[in-house]
């Protein structure tokens, strides 16, 4: 998706939960591609991978948001097994799993509910289980449903899936690698997290350099600038050089 298209589709405004950055746009494009698959038996899984702090979880939040794709969302934990992953999915899907249920029992309920709801399934932090047998639980859900499945993880996720699990080669239709924030993204983050500040272009560019485009670091810098404005009692500040607050109305 081009930056121009991303800008035209930027319907998330300041004050809403997720700023629609480039990686959010990547997620939207990927989920649309696997949703639009018509051929029976064709892969309907997408993967977004990249370094921490690039806003991948924010992309997942957008897909799970009612204004986004209203996806079913779970975040894998480092200690998860096939059984605990199945329990997480049951909880998120509103399935009251019985203590005596085996994994197979939960699996049947999960597949049935996903087909009934027709909502995409988004699973975050998949790198935690990418080299465990639990990943085959997700693959089996893919093979026995037609709902779009979106996996998110860190930069080694693609390598782990392809090197340890041969069957993922023909299950994933779309691979998307997350990218660092550029000036366009930093402007969106500034409008979203610091709407009361006015930033000059030199500050935007300096933020990109100082944070190496890591969205989490951009947020931290914006928060620090807002706190400095509060400390100096400037109500409508113009932020000039990075670290300097220009004069504004008091």
C-alpha atoms as a PDB file:
ATOM      1  CA  UNK A   1       0.000   0.000   0.000  1.00  0.00           C
ATOM      2  CA  UNK A   2       1.456   3.325  -0.985  1.00  0.00           C
ATOM      3  CA  UNK A   3       1.853   6.273   1.354  1.00  0.00           C
ATOM      4  CA  UNK A   4      -0.608   8.206  -0.778  1.00  0.00           C
ATOM      5  CA  UNK A   5      -3.250   5.509  -0.388  1.00  0.00           C
ATOM      6  CA  UNK A   6      -2.490   5.272   3.316  1.00  0.00           C
ATOM      7  CA  UNK A   7      -2.993   9.029   3.666  1.00  0.00           C
ATOM      8  CA  UNK A   8      -6.305   8.948   1.791  1.00  0.00           C
ATOM      9  CA  UNK A   9      -7.596   6.159   4.030  1.00  0.00           C
ATOM     10  CA  UNK A  10      -6.438   7.745   7.269  1.00  0.00           C
ATOM     11  CA  UNK A  11      -9.779   7.814   9.056  1.00  0.00           C
ATOM     12  CA  UNK A  12      -8.392   7.377  12.577  1.00  0.00           C
ATOM     13  CA  UNK A  13      -8.434  10.789  14.221  1.00  0.00           C
ATOM     14  CA  UNK A  14      -6.728  12.104  17.378  1.00  0.00           C
ATOM     15  CA  UNK A  15      -8.310  10.742  20.526  1.00  0.00           C
ATOM     16  CA  UNK A  16      -9.187   7.343  19.038  1.00  0.00           C
ATOM     17  CA  UNK A  17      -7.417   4.210  20.214  1.00  0.00           C
ATOM     18  CA  UNK A  18      -5.049   3.493  17.323  1.00  0.00           C
ATOM     19  CA  UNK A  19      -3.055   5.825  15.065  1.00  0.00           C
ATOM     20  CA  UNK A  20      -3.171   4.396  11.550  1.00  0.00           C
ATOM     21  CA  UNK A  21       0.526   4.080  10.785  1.00  0.00           C
ATOM     22  CA  UNK A  22       2.121   2.357   7.804  1.00  0.00           C
ATOM     23  CA  UNK A  23       2.260  -0.990   9.633  1.00  0.00           C
ATOM     24  CA  UNK A  24      -1.447  -0.726  10.439  1.00  0.00           C
ATOM     25  CA  UNK A  25      -2.036  -0.154   6.729  1.00  0.00           C
ATOM     26  CA  UNK A  26       0.089  -3.233   5.985  1.00  0.00           C
ATOM     27  CA  UNK A  27      -2.107  -5.266   8.324  1.00  0.00           C
ATOM     28  CA  UNK A  28      -5.279  -4.003   6.664  1.00  0.00           C
ATOM     29  CA  UNK A  29      -3.940  -4.814   3.213  1.00  0.00           C
ATOM     30  CA  UNK A  30      -2.879  -8.302   4.295  1.00  0.00           C
ATOM     31  CA  UNK A  31      -6.170  -9.171   6.009  1.00  0.00           C
ATOM     32  CA  UNK A  32      -8.058  -7.928   2.955  1.00  0.00           C
ATOM     33  CA  UNK A  33      -6.006 -10.180   0.695  1.00  0.00           C
ATOM     34  CA  UNK A  34      -6.718 -13.327   2.708  1.00  0.00           C
ATOM     35  CA  UNK A  35     -10.365 -12.341   3.149  1.00  0.00           C
ATOM     36  CA  UNK A  36     -10.869 -11.952  -0.601  1.00  0.00           C
ATOM     37  CA  UNK A  37      -9.667 -15.482  -1.395  1.00  0.00           C
ATOM     38  CA  UNK A  38     -12.446 -17.293  -3.279  1.00  0.00           C
ATOM     39  CA  UNK A  39     -10.824 -20.594  -4.211  1.00  0.00           C
ATOM     40  CA  UNK A  40     -11.781 -23.490  -1.964  1.00  0.00           C
ATOM     41  CA  UNK A  41      -8.680 -24.809  -0.247  1.00  0.00           C
ATOM     42  CA  UNK A  42      -6.600 -21.706  -1.010  1.00  0.00           C
ATOM     43  CA  UNK A  43      -4.464 -20.346   1.862  1.00  0.00           C
ATOM     44  CA  UNK A  44      -6.126 -17.684   3.979  1.00  0.00           C
ATOM     45  CA  UNK A  45      -3.369 -16.880   6.453  1.00  0.00           C
ATOM     46  CA  UNK A  46      -1.212 -13.720   6.664  1.00  0.00           C
ATOM     47  CA  UNK A  47       1.856 -12.946   8.767  1.00  0.00           C
ATOM     48  CA  UNK A  48       3.223  -9.590   9.981  1.00  0.00           C
ATOM     49  CA  UNK A  49       6.713  -9.756  11.470  1.00  0.00           C
ATOM     50  CA  UNK A  50       9.340  -7.261  12.561  1.00  0.00           C
ATOM     51  CA  UNK A  51      11.407  -5.845  15.444  1.00  0.00           C
ATOM     52  CA  UNK A  52       9.790  -4.910  18.769  1.00  0.00           C
ATOM     53  CA  UNK A  53       8.406  -1.410  19.121  1.00  0.00           C
ATOM     54  CA  UNK A  54       7.370  -1.038  15.479  1.00  0.00           C
ATOM     55  CA  UNK A  55       3.654  -0.882  16.263  1.00  0.00           C
ATOM     56  CA  UNK A  56       2.681  -4.439  15.317  1.00  0.00           C
ATOM     57  CA  UNK A  57       0.472  -4.836  18.370  1.00  0.00           C
ATOM     58  CA  UNK A  58      -1.206  -1.534  17.482  1.00  0.00           C
ATOM     59  CA  UNK A  59      -1.962  -3.080  14.093  1.00  0.00           C
ATOM     60  CA  UNK A  60      -3.523  -6.040  15.898  1.00  0.00           C
ATOM     61  CA  UNK A  61      -5.574  -3.643  18.041  1.00  0.00           C
ATOM     62  CA  UNK A  62      -6.902  -1.985  14.929  1.00  0.00           C
ATOM     63  CA  UNK A  63      -7.963  -5.289  13.404  1.00  0.00           C
ATOM     64  CA  UNK A  64      -9.691  -6.262  16.658  1.00  0.00           C
ATOM     65  CA  UNK A  65     -11.425  -2.886  17.016  1.00  0.00           C
ATOM     66  CA  UNK A  66     -15.107  -2.697  15.971  1.00  0.00           C
ATOM     67  CA  UNK A  67     -14.189   0.216  13.681  1.00  0.00           C
ATOM     68  CA  UNK A  68     -11.493  -1.974  12.144  1.00  0.00           C
ATOM     69  CA  UNK A  69     -12.195  -5.627  11.326  1.00  0.00           C
ATOM     70  CA  UNK A  70     -13.775  -6.708  14.644  1.00  0.00           C
ATOM     71  CA  UNK A  71     -11.394  -9.659  14.707  1.00  0.00           C
ATOM     72  CA  UNK A  72     -11.155 -12.284  17.422  1.00  0.00           C
ATOM     73  CA  UNK A  73      -7.872 -11.439  19.175  1.00  0.00           C
ATOM     74  CA  UNK A  74      -5.562 -13.407  21.453  1.00  0.00           C
ATOM     75  CA  UNK A  75      -1.993 -12.696  22.550  1.00  0.00           C
ATOM     76  CA  UNK A  76       0.216 -15.734  23.071  1.00  0.00           C
ATOM     77  CA  UNK A  77       2.226 -15.938  26.295  1.00  0.00           C
ATOM     78  CA  UNK A  78       5.743 -17.314  26.550  1.00  0.00           C
ATOM     79  CA  UNK A  79       4.580 -20.302  28.614  1.00  0.00           C
ATOM     80  CA  UNK A  80       1.633 -21.265  26.413  1.00  0.00           C
ATOM     81  CA  UNK A  81       1.131 -24.843  25.284  1.00  0.00           C
ATOM     82  CA  UNK A  82      -1.400 -26.256  22.853  1.00  0.00           C
ATOM     83  CA  UNK A  83      -3.845 -26.728  25.733  1.00  0.00           C
ATOM     84  CA  UNK A  84      -3.488 -23.230  27.203  1.00  0.00           C
ATOM     85  CA  UNK A  85      -3.705 -21.707  23.707  1.00  0.00           C
ATOM     86  CA  UNK A  86      -6.942 -23.615  23.152  1.00  0.00           C
ATOM     87  CA  UNK A  87      -8.219 -22.324  26.492  1.00  0.00           C
ATOM     88  CA  UNK A  88      -7.339 -18.734  25.518  1.00  0.00           C
ATOM     89  CA  UNK A  89      -9.264 -19.094  22.275  1.00  0.00           C
ATOM     90  CA  UNK A  90     -12.253 -20.600  24.055  1.00  0.00           C
ATOM     91  CA  UNK A  91     -12.335 -17.680  26.483  1.00  0.00           C
ATOM     92  CA  UNK A  92     -12.121 -15.086  23.723  1.00  0.00           C
ATOM     93  CA  UNK A  93     -14.818 -16.850  21.696  1.00  0.00           C
ATOM     94  CA  UNK A  94     -17.181 -17.080  24.671  1.00  0.00           C
ATOM     95  CA  UNK A  95     -16.939 -20.868  24.868  1.00  0.00           C
ATOM     96  CA  UNK A  96     -17.359 -22.185  28.414  1.00  0.00           C
ATOM     97  CA  UNK A  97     -14.748 -24.914  28.311  1.00  0.00           C
ATOM     98  CA  UNK A  98     -15.249 -27.753  30.781  1.00  0.00           C
ATOM     99  CA  UNK A  99     -12.345 -28.836  32.971  1.00  0.00           C
ATOM    100  CA  UNK A 100     -12.645 -32.379  31.649  1.00  0.00           C
ATOM    101  CA  UNK A 101     -12.435 -31.330  27.987  1.00  0.00           C
ATOM    102  CA  UNK A 102      -9.481 -32.625  26.016  1.00  0.00           C
ATOM    103  CA  UNK A 103      -7.712 -30.444  23.446  1.00  0.00           C
ATOM    104  CA  UNK A 104      -9.714 -32.164  20.717  1.00  0.00           C
ATOM    105  CA  UNK A 105     -12.985 -31.160  22.409  1.00  0.00           C
ATOM    106  CA  UNK A 106     -11.916 -27.516  22.596  1.00  0.00           C
ATOM    107  CA  UNK A 107     -10.687 -27.627  19.011  1.00  0.00           C
ATOM    108  CA  UNK A 108     -14.064 -28.767  17.699  1.00  0.00           C
ATOM    109  CA  UNK A 109     -15.839 -25.978  19.602  1.00  0.00           C
ATOM    110  CA  UNK A 110     -13.348 -23.356  18.408  1.00  0.00           C
ATOM    111  CA  UNK A 111     -13.689 -24.322  14.747  1.00  0.00           C
ATOM    112  CA  UNK A 112     -17.479 -24.369  14.999  1.00  0.00           C
ATOM    113  CA  UNK A 113     -17.645 -20.958  16.701  1.00  0.00           C
ATOM    114  CA  UNK A 114     -15.218 -19.320  14.250  1.00  0.00           C
ATOM    115  CA  UNK A 115     -17.263 -20.541  11.296  1.00  0.00           C
ATOM    116  CA  UNK A 116     -20.414 -19.308  13.000  1.00  0.00           C
ATOM    117  CA  UNK A 117     -19.045 -15.827  13.782  1.00  0.00           C
ATOM    118  CA  UNK A 118     -17.217 -15.350  10.462  1.00  0.00           C
ATOM    119  CA  UNK A 119     -14.760 -12.977  12.157  1.00  0.00           C
ATOM    120  CA  UNK A 120     -11.025 -12.959  11.348  1.00  0.00           C
ATOM    121  CA  UNK A 121      -8.696 -14.517  13.911  1.00  0.00           C
ATOM    122  CA  UNK A 122      -5.684 -12.410  14.968  1.00  0.00           C
ATOM    123  CA  UNK A 123      -2.954 -13.981  17.094  1.00  0.00           C
ATOM    124  CA  UNK A 124      -0.174 -11.776  18.481  1.00  0.00           C
ATOM    125  CA  UNK A 125       3.259 -12.743  19.883  1.00  0.00           C
ATOM    126  CA  UNK A 126       3.265 -15.937  17.799  1.00  0.00           C
ATOM    127  CA  UNK A 127       7.070 -16.137  17.954  1.00  0.00           C
ATOM    128  CA  UNK A 128       6.631 -17.558  21.475  1.00  0.00           C
ATOM    129  CA  UNK A 129       5.170 -20.753  20.006  1.00  0.00           C
ATOM    130  CA  UNK A 130       6.639 -20.704  16.486  1.00  0.00           C
ATOM    131  CA  UNK A 131       8.996 -23.548  17.372  1.00  0.00           C
ATOM    132  CA  UNK A 132       6.536 -25.479  19.526  1.00  0.00           C
ATOM    133  CA  UNK A 133       3.903 -28.025  18.565  1.00  0.00           C
ATOM    134  CA  UNK A 134       1.234 -25.473  19.525  1.00  0.00           C
ATOM    135  CA  UNK A 135       1.757 -23.776  16.171  1.00  0.00           C
ATOM    136  CA  UNK A 136       0.260 -26.853  14.508  1.00  0.00           C
ATOM    137  CA  UNK A 137      -2.952 -26.190  16.442  1.00  0.00           C
ATOM    138  CA  UNK A 138      -3.252 -22.887  14.569  1.00  0.00           C
ATOM    139  CA  UNK A 139      -2.378 -24.543  11.267  1.00  0.00           C
ATOM    140  CA  UNK A 140      -5.089 -27.157  11.817  1.00  0.00           C
ATOM    141  CA  UNK A 141      -7.646 -24.417  12.543  1.00  0.00           C
ATOM    142  CA  UNK A 142      -6.609 -22.816   9.249  1.00  0.00           C
ATOM    143  CA  UNK A 143      -7.046 -26.083   7.384  1.00  0.00           C
ATOM    144  CA  UNK A 144     -10.528 -26.700   8.752  1.00  0.00           C
ATOM    145  CA  UNK A 145     -12.084 -23.230   8.604  1.00  0.00           C
ATOM    146  CA  UNK A 146     -12.409 -20.537   5.962  1.00  0.00           C
ATOM    147  CA  UNK A 147     -11.914 -17.566   8.302  1.00  0.00           C
ATOM    148  CA  UNK A 148      -8.906 -15.273   7.681  1.00  0.00           C
ATOM    149  CA  UNK A 149      -6.077 -15.863  10.161  1.00  0.00           C
ATOM    150  CA  UNK A 150      -3.488 -13.171  10.894  1.00  0.00           C
ATOM    151  CA  UNK A 151      -0.298 -14.007  12.806  1.00  0.00           C
ATOM    152  CA  UNK A 152       1.954 -11.337  14.331  1.00  0.00           C
ATOM    153  CA  UNK A 153       5.419 -11.718  15.802  1.00  0.00           C
ATOM    154  CA  UNK A 154       8.973 -10.437  15.984  1.00  0.00           C
ATOM    155  CA  UNK A 155      11.604 -10.392  13.263  1.00  0.00           C
ATOM    156  CA  UNK A 156      12.511 -14.094  13.427  1.00  0.00           C
ATOM    157  CA  UNK A 157       8.925 -15.313  13.075  1.00  0.00           C
ATOM    158  CA  UNK A 158       9.078 -15.956   9.330  1.00  0.00           C
ATOM    159  CA  UNK A 159      12.375 -17.819   9.616  1.00  0.00           C
ATOM    160  CA  UNK A 160      11.092 -19.937  12.496  1.00  0.00           C
ATOM    161  CA  UNK A 161       7.863 -20.844  10.728  1.00  0.00           C
ATOM    162  CA  UNK A 162       9.535 -21.773   7.466  1.00  0.00           C
ATOM    163  CA  UNK A 163      12.563 -23.559   8.900  1.00  0.00           C
ATOM    164  CA  UNK A 164      10.779 -25.631  11.536  1.00  0.00           C
ATOM    165  CA  UNK A 165       7.351 -26.137  10.013  1.00  0.00           C
ATOM    166  CA  UNK A 166       7.418 -27.177   6.371  1.00  0.00           C
ATOM    167  CA  UNK A 167       3.624 -27.086   6.165  1.00  0.00           C
ATOM    168  CA  UNK A 168       3.567 -23.289   6.594  1.00  0.00           C
ATOM    169  CA  UNK A 169       5.149 -22.803   3.168  1.00  0.00           C
ATOM    170  CA  UNK A 170       1.792 -23.323   1.466  1.00  0.00           C
ATOM    171  CA  UNK A 171      -0.479 -22.063   4.261  1.00  0.00           C
ATOM    172  CA  UNK A 172       0.597 -18.405   4.313  1.00  0.00           C
ATOM    173  CA  UNK A 173      -0.679 -16.291   1.430  1.00  0.00           C
ATOM    174  CA  UNK A 174       0.798 -12.951   2.550  1.00  0.00           C
ATOM    175  CA  UNK A 175       4.032 -12.154   4.380  1.00  0.00           C
ATOM    176  CA  UNK A 176       4.423  -8.547   5.549  1.00  0.00           C
ATOM    177  CA  UNK A 177       7.580  -7.175   7.160  1.00  0.00           C
ATOM    178  CA  UNK A 178       6.983  -4.255   9.529  1.00  0.00           C
ATOM    179  CA  UNK A 179       8.883  -1.047   8.773  1.00  0.00           C
ATOM    180  CA  UNK A 180      10.142   1.761  11.056  1.00  0.00           C
ATOM    181  CA  UNK A 181       8.207   5.009  11.288  1.00  0.00           C
ATOM    182  CA  UNK A 182       9.043   7.711   8.792  1.00  0.00           C
ATOM    183  CA  UNK A 183       8.127  11.410   9.030  1.00  0.00           C
ATOM    184  CA  UNK A 184       4.614  10.668   7.764  1.00  0.00           C
ATOM    185  CA  UNK A 185       4.063   8.197  10.613  1.00  0.00           C
ATOM    186  CA  UNK A 186       5.610  10.471  13.235  1.00  0.00           C
ATOM    187  CA  UNK A 187       3.200  13.250  12.214  1.00  0.00           C
ATOM    188  CA  UNK A 188       0.310  10.845  12.795  1.00  0.00           C
ATOM    189  CA  UNK A 189       1.655   9.826  16.187  1.00  0.00           C
ATOM    190  CA  UNK A 190       2.105  13.475  17.130  1.00  0.00           C
ATOM    191  CA  UNK A 191      -1.466  14.312  16.085  1.00  0.00           C
ATOM    192  CA  UNK A 192      -2.722  11.272  17.974  1.00  0.00           C
ATOM    193  CA  UNK A 193      -0.743  11.453  21.214  1.00  0.00           C
ATOM    194  CA  UNK A 194       0.023  15.187  21.413  1.00  0.00           C
ATOM    195  CA  UNK A 195      -2.830  16.961  19.602  1.00  0.00           C
ATOM    196  CA  UNK A 196      -2.330  20.077  21.717  1.00  0.00           C
ATOM    197  CA  UNK A 197       1.208  20.610  20.388  1.00  0.00           C
ATOM    198  CA  UNK A 198       2.247  22.136  17.070  1.00  0.00           C
ATOM    199  CA  UNK A 199       5.374  20.576  15.589  1.00  0.00           C
ATOM    200  CA  UNK A 200       7.671  22.196  13.055  1.00  0.00           C
ATOM    201  CA  UNK A 201       9.111  19.977  10.286  1.00  0.00           C
ATOM    202  CA  UNK A 202      12.597  19.990  11.826  1.00  0.00           C
ATOM    203  CA  UNK A 203      11.231  18.392  14.999  1.00  0.00           C
ATOM    204  CA  UNK A 204       9.428  15.681  13.067  1.00  0.00           C
ATOM    205  CA  UNK A 205      12.633  14.843  11.190  1.00  0.00           C
ATOM    206  CA  UNK A 206      14.677  14.939  14.395  1.00  0.00           C
ATOM    207  CA  UNK A 207      12.233  12.567  16.106  1.00  0.00           C
ATOM    208  CA  UNK A 208      12.621  10.081  13.258  1.00  0.00           C
ATOM    209  CA  UNK A 209      16.407  10.162  13.649  1.00  0.00           C
ATOM    210  CA  UNK A 210      16.494  10.154  17.449  1.00  0.00           C
ATOM    211  CA  UNK A 211      14.055   7.231  17.781  1.00  0.00           C
ATOM    212  CA  UNK A 212      15.329   5.267  14.754  1.00  0.00           C
ATOM    213  CA  UNK A 213      11.685   5.135  13.685  1.00  0.00           C
ATOM    214  CA  UNK A 214      10.645   2.931  16.613  1.00  0.00           C
ATOM    215  CA  UNK A 215       7.027   3.873  17.330  1.00  0.00           C
ATOM    216  CA  UNK A 216       7.337   3.093  21.039  1.00  0.00           C
ATOM    217  CA  UNK A 217      10.266   5.509  21.373  1.00  0.00           C
ATOM    218  CA  UNK A 218       8.405   8.179  19.399  1.00  0.00           C
ATOM    219  CA  UNK A 219       5.555   7.898  21.896  1.00  0.00           C
ATOM    220  CA  UNK A 220       8.014   8.289  24.803  1.00  0.00           C
ATOM    221  CA  UNK A 221       9.528  11.431  23.250  1.00  0.00           C
ATOM    222  CA  UNK A 222       6.102  12.923  22.599  1.00  0.00           C
ATOM    223  CA  UNK A 223       5.089  12.253  26.186  1.00  0.00           C
ATOM    224  CA  UNK A 224       8.239  13.988  27.440  1.00  0.00           C
ATOM    225  CA  UNK A 225       7.527  17.034  25.279  1.00  0.00           C
ATOM    226  CA  UNK A 226       3.954  17.243  26.580  1.00  0.00           C
ATOM    227  CA  UNK A 227       5.204  17.061  30.155  1.00  0.00           C
ATOM    228  CA  UNK A 228       7.683  19.865  29.467  1.00  0.00           C
ATOM    229  CA  UNK A 229       4.873  22.005  28.094  1.00  0.00           C
ATOM    230  CA  UNK A 230       2.820  21.402  31.224  1.00  0.00           C
ATOM    231  CA  UNK A 231       5.790  22.230  33.427  1.00  0.00           C
ATOM    232  CA  UNK A 232       6.324  25.554  31.660  1.00  0.00           C
ATOM    233  CA  UNK A 233       2.571  26.299  31.625  1.00  0.00           C
ATOM    234  CA  UNK A 234       2.410  26.747  27.847  1.00  0.00           C
ATOM    235  CA  UNK A 235      -1.106  26.000  26.663  1.00  0.00           C
ATOM    236  CA  UNK A 236      -0.745  26.235  22.853  1.00  0.00           C
ATOM    237  CA  UNK A 237       2.956  25.578  22.292  1.00  0.00           C
ATOM    238  CA  UNK A 238       4.887  25.419  19.074  1.00  0.00           C
ATOM    239  CA  UNK A 239       7.664  22.866  19.346  1.00  0.00           C
ATOM    240  CA  UNK A 240      10.733  24.045  17.454  1.00  0.00           C
ATOM    241  CA  UNK A 241      14.126  22.426  17.723  1.00  0.00           C
ATOM    242  CA  UNK A 242      14.043  19.040  19.454  1.00  0.00           C
ATOM    243  CA  UNK A 243      14.297  19.668  23.165  1.00  0.00           C
ATOM    244  CA  UNK A 244      13.247  23.323  22.847  1.00  0.00           C
ATOM    245  CA  UNK A 245       9.720  24.616  23.345  1.00  0.00           C
ATOM    246  CA  UNK A 246       8.845  27.710  21.340  1.00  0.00           C
ATOM    247  CA  UNK A 247       6.813  30.527  22.788  1.00  0.00           C
ATOM    248  CA  UNK A 248       3.053  30.060  22.746  1.00  0.00           C
ATOM    249  CA  UNK A 249      -0.065  31.512  24.286  1.00  0.00           C
ATOM    250  CA  UNK A 250      -0.116  31.219  28.056  1.00  0.00           C
END
